[in-house]
Protein backbone atom coordinates (compact mmCIF):
# COMPACT_ATOMS: atom_id res chain seq x y z
CA MET A 1 106.52 104.91 98.93
CA GLY A 2 105.58 101.68 100.46
CA LYS A 3 104.25 98.64 98.74
CA LEU A 4 101.18 96.66 99.81
CA VAL A 5 101.85 92.96 100.79
CA LEU A 6 98.82 90.43 100.92
CA THR A 7 100.11 87.30 103.17
CA THR A 8 97.19 85.02 102.81
CA PHE A 9 96.45 81.24 103.51
CA VAL A 10 94.49 79.10 101.47
CA THR A 11 93.58 75.37 101.02
CA LEU A 12 94.52 73.32 97.93
CA ASP A 13 91.12 73.96 96.55
CA GLY A 14 91.67 77.69 97.11
CA VAL A 15 89.36 78.45 100.28
CA TYR A 16 90.70 81.14 102.65
CA GLN A 17 87.58 81.47 105.00
CA ALA A 18 88.32 80.89 108.93
CA PRO A 19 91.90 79.44 108.94
CA GLY A 20 92.29 80.19 112.46
CA GLY A 21 89.34 78.55 114.32
CA PRO A 22 86.02 77.40 114.26
CA ARG A 23 84.16 80.27 115.30
CA GLU A 24 86.26 82.68 113.21
CA ASP A 25 83.97 82.55 110.16
CA THR A 26 80.88 80.65 110.01
CA SER A 27 79.06 82.73 107.40
CA GLY A 28 77.41 80.75 104.84
CA GLY A 29 76.89 78.01 106.91
CA PHE A 30 80.76 76.96 106.95
CA GLU A 31 81.79 74.35 109.61
CA GLN A 32 85.46 73.60 108.95
CA GLY A 33 87.04 76.81 110.48
CA GLY A 34 90.65 76.05 112.17
CA TRP A 35 91.88 74.06 109.36
CA SER A 36 95.40 75.64 109.31
CA VAL A 37 95.96 75.20 113.26
CA PRO A 38 97.42 71.62 112.63
CA TYR A 39 100.31 72.88 110.43
CA GLY A 40 101.63 75.67 112.70
CA ASP A 41 105.15 74.32 113.15
CA GLU A 42 108.41 76.20 113.71
CA ASP A 43 109.15 76.82 109.99
CA PHE A 44 105.70 78.38 109.68
CA GLY A 45 106.14 80.55 112.65
CA ARG A 46 109.49 81.54 111.42
CA PHE A 47 108.07 82.82 108.27
CA VAL A 48 105.16 84.82 109.85
CA THR A 49 107.88 86.48 112.14
CA GLU A 50 109.84 87.63 108.91
CA VAL A 51 106.96 88.92 107.41
CA PHE A 52 105.91 91.21 110.49
CA ASP A 53 109.63 92.31 110.73
CA ARG A 54 109.16 94.09 107.37
CA ALA A 55 105.75 95.80 108.36
CA GLY A 56 105.41 99.63 108.40
CA ALA A 57 101.45 99.58 108.65
CA PHE A 58 98.54 97.30 108.49
CA LEU A 59 95.50 97.49 106.49
CA LEU A 60 92.77 95.07 107.38
CA GLY A 61 89.04 93.97 106.46
CA ARG A 62 86.50 94.50 109.06
CA ARG A 63 86.30 90.72 110.18
CA THR A 64 90.00 90.15 110.54
CA TYR A 65 90.16 93.35 112.30
CA ASP A 66 87.65 92.31 115.11
CA ILE A 67 89.76 88.85 115.02
CA PHE A 68 92.66 90.59 115.91
CA ALA A 69 91.47 93.25 118.29
CA GLY A 70 90.16 90.60 120.42
CA TYR A 71 93.45 89.14 120.65
CA TRP A 72 96.44 91.00 120.05
CA PRO A 73 96.05 94.09 122.54
CA LYS A 74 96.10 91.43 125.31
CA MET A 75 99.27 90.33 124.21
CA THR A 76 101.68 92.84 126.00
CA ASP A 77 105.27 91.30 125.84
CA PRO A 78 107.37 93.68 124.10
CA ALA A 79 109.55 90.93 123.02
CA ASP A 80 106.89 89.42 120.98
CA PRO A 81 107.61 90.19 117.43
CA ILE A 82 103.86 90.14 115.99
CA ALA A 83 102.25 91.61 118.98
CA SER A 84 104.58 94.50 119.19
CA ARG A 85 104.29 95.38 115.60
CA LEU A 86 100.25 95.00 115.63
CA ASN A 87 99.81 96.85 118.63
CA GLY A 88 102.60 99.57 118.14
CA LEU A 89 102.32 100.41 114.06
CA PRO A 90 99.47 102.16 112.70
CA LYS A 91 96.44 99.90 111.67
CA TYR A 92 93.77 100.88 108.79
CA VAL A 93 90.44 99.25 108.39
CA ALA A 94 88.44 99.39 105.35
CA SER A 95 85.08 99.66 106.80
CA SER A 96 81.63 101.52 106.23
CA THR A 97 80.17 100.31 109.81
CA LEU A 98 83.08 100.57 112.14
CA THR A 99 82.85 104.16 113.71
CA ASP A 100 84.87 104.05 117.22
CA PRO A 101 87.72 101.44 116.96
CA ALA A 102 89.09 100.75 120.42
CA TRP A 103 92.42 99.21 119.32
CA GLN A 104 94.78 101.99 119.86
CA GLY A 105 96.56 103.19 116.62
CA THR A 106 93.37 102.33 114.32
CA THR A 107 92.22 104.45 111.59
CA VAL A 108 89.03 103.72 109.61
CA ILE A 109 88.90 104.34 105.92
CA GLY A 110 86.01 104.26 103.53
CA GLY A 111 84.86 105.69 100.45
CA ASP A 112 87.13 105.49 97.35
CA LEU A 113 89.15 102.67 98.31
CA ALA A 114 91.82 102.99 95.71
CA LYS A 115 92.47 106.66 96.32
CA GLU A 116 92.67 105.97 100.03
CA VAL A 117 95.08 102.96 99.91
CA THR A 118 97.32 104.70 97.05
CA ALA A 119 97.43 107.69 99.70
CA LEU A 120 98.57 104.94 102.42
CA LYS A 121 101.02 103.41 100.20
CA GLU A 122 102.66 106.67 99.54
CA ARG A 123 103.20 107.80 103.21
CA THR A 124 104.04 104.35 104.52
CA ALA A 125 107.68 103.76 104.90
CA GLY A 126 107.98 100.01 104.60
CA GLU A 127 105.45 97.65 103.74
CA LEU A 128 101.79 98.30 104.05
CA GLN A 129 100.73 94.65 105.17
CA VAL A 130 97.30 92.83 104.57
CA HIS A 131 96.67 89.64 106.65
CA GLY A 132 93.80 87.45 105.62
CA SER A 133 90.82 90.01 104.74
CA GLY A 134 89.60 87.94 101.97
CA ALA A 135 87.08 90.33 100.77
CA LEU A 136 89.29 93.27 101.01
CA ALA A 137 91.94 91.31 99.20
CA ARG A 138 89.84 90.42 96.27
CA SER A 139 88.88 94.27 96.09
CA LEU A 140 92.45 95.19 96.07
CA PHE A 141 93.26 92.83 93.27
CA ALA A 142 90.20 94.00 91.25
CA GLN A 143 91.80 97.44 91.44
CA ASP A 144 95.41 96.73 91.10
CA LEU A 145 96.53 97.59 94.19
CA VAL A 146 98.63 94.65 95.36
CA ASP A 147 102.19 94.71 95.01
CA THR A 148 103.45 91.45 96.11
CA VAL A 149 101.70 88.04 97.50
CA HIS A 150 102.76 85.62 100.10
CA LEU A 151 100.55 82.58 99.40
CA LEU A 152 100.74 79.87 102.11
CA THR A 153 99.09 76.83 100.64
CA PHE A 154 98.12 74.18 103.46
CA PRO A 155 97.71 70.66 102.36
CA VAL A 156 94.26 70.02 102.75
CA VAL A 157 90.82 70.14 100.80
CA LEU A 158 87.52 71.47 102.21
CA GLY A 159 85.40 71.63 99.24
CA ALA A 160 83.52 74.32 100.67
CA GLY A 161 84.06 78.10 101.63
CA ARG A 162 85.14 81.01 100.42
CA ARG A 163 87.71 81.29 97.69
CA LEU A 164 90.28 83.82 97.20
CA PHE A 165 90.38 83.66 93.48
CA ALA A 166 86.55 83.09 92.59
CA GLU A 167 85.10 83.09 89.19
CA GLY A 168 85.25 86.57 87.73
CA ALA A 169 88.45 87.41 89.39
CA VAL A 170 90.47 90.11 87.23
CA PRO A 171 93.33 88.12 85.09
CA THR A 172 96.70 88.75 86.62
CA ALA A 173 100.19 87.61 86.12
CA PHE A 174 102.67 87.15 88.87
CA ILE A 175 106.65 86.85 89.07
CA HIS A 176 107.94 84.24 91.28
CA THR A 177 110.38 85.75 93.88
CA GLY A 178 110.74 82.73 96.41
CA GLY A 179 109.69 79.88 98.20
CA ARG A 180 109.82 77.01 100.28
CA VAL A 181 107.82 74.28 102.22
CA THR A 182 107.60 73.85 105.90
CA ALA A 183 108.21 70.50 107.57
CA ALA A 184 104.66 70.03 108.17
CA GLY A 185 104.06 70.42 104.35
CA VAL A 186 102.73 74.29 103.92
CA SER A 187 103.90 75.51 100.48
CA ILE A 188 104.91 79.16 100.91
CA GLN A 189 105.34 81.19 97.90
CA SER A 190 106.03 84.92 97.16
CA TYR A 191 104.87 86.52 94.16
CA ASP A 192 105.11 90.09 92.55
CA VAL A 193 102.31 91.39 90.52
CA ALA A 194 103.36 91.64 86.97
CA GLY A 195 100.20 93.01 85.20
CA ARG A 196 97.72 91.04 82.91
CA PRO A 197 98.53 87.28 81.67
CA ARG A 198 100.31 86.77 78.39
CA TYR A 199 98.96 83.90 76.29
CA GLY A 200 100.48 81.72 73.65
CA SER A 201 99.72 78.28 71.99
CA TYR A 202 101.57 74.65 72.08
CA GLU A 203 100.15 74.04 68.39
CA LEU A 204 102.75 74.08 65.62
CA PRO A 205 102.32 76.80 63.20
CA GLU A 206 100.44 75.46 59.71
CA ASP A 207 103.47 76.07 57.78
CA ALA A 208 105.90 74.00 60.03
């Protein structure tokens, strides 16, 4: 059985919206798209390649799928470690509106997300990877479907935009499994989901 692995980019204030370009996602009047681009150095590229090397299949939200489908099928170099996997491995899109995907190897899933994703994990050898797809990621967290998170935090504050862990998110604890910081200052941290948080107090007991 595979595990579901989320790789996501966020700012210091938790924004995930439109990291890759100004037209990527302007919903809500967002005008600061492309904030991750100045930090895309060799360290960053090396980590992303490592992640894609472990992919067995991809699960994407509709918006991220449309962005990927408009770019990666045009990248036909078999030596490209990202394009070769995105174009060659199964892709699943969580959508109620996409009916006829043109990107080869794409399957649309809908209905009961928990049931569908659990079945995908069971039949995927390797990692079922989610890239970006913030709205889908929040739904996956809410239903305890995420196993591992690679959280890439970029040294920038935007003050606006959609946040990955917004108010109302399900309380979740994590175990830190590794990390590094790129030369450009991107903090790359990996976590396994560990259930619900534990709580305590730094106050001294009354009889101390």
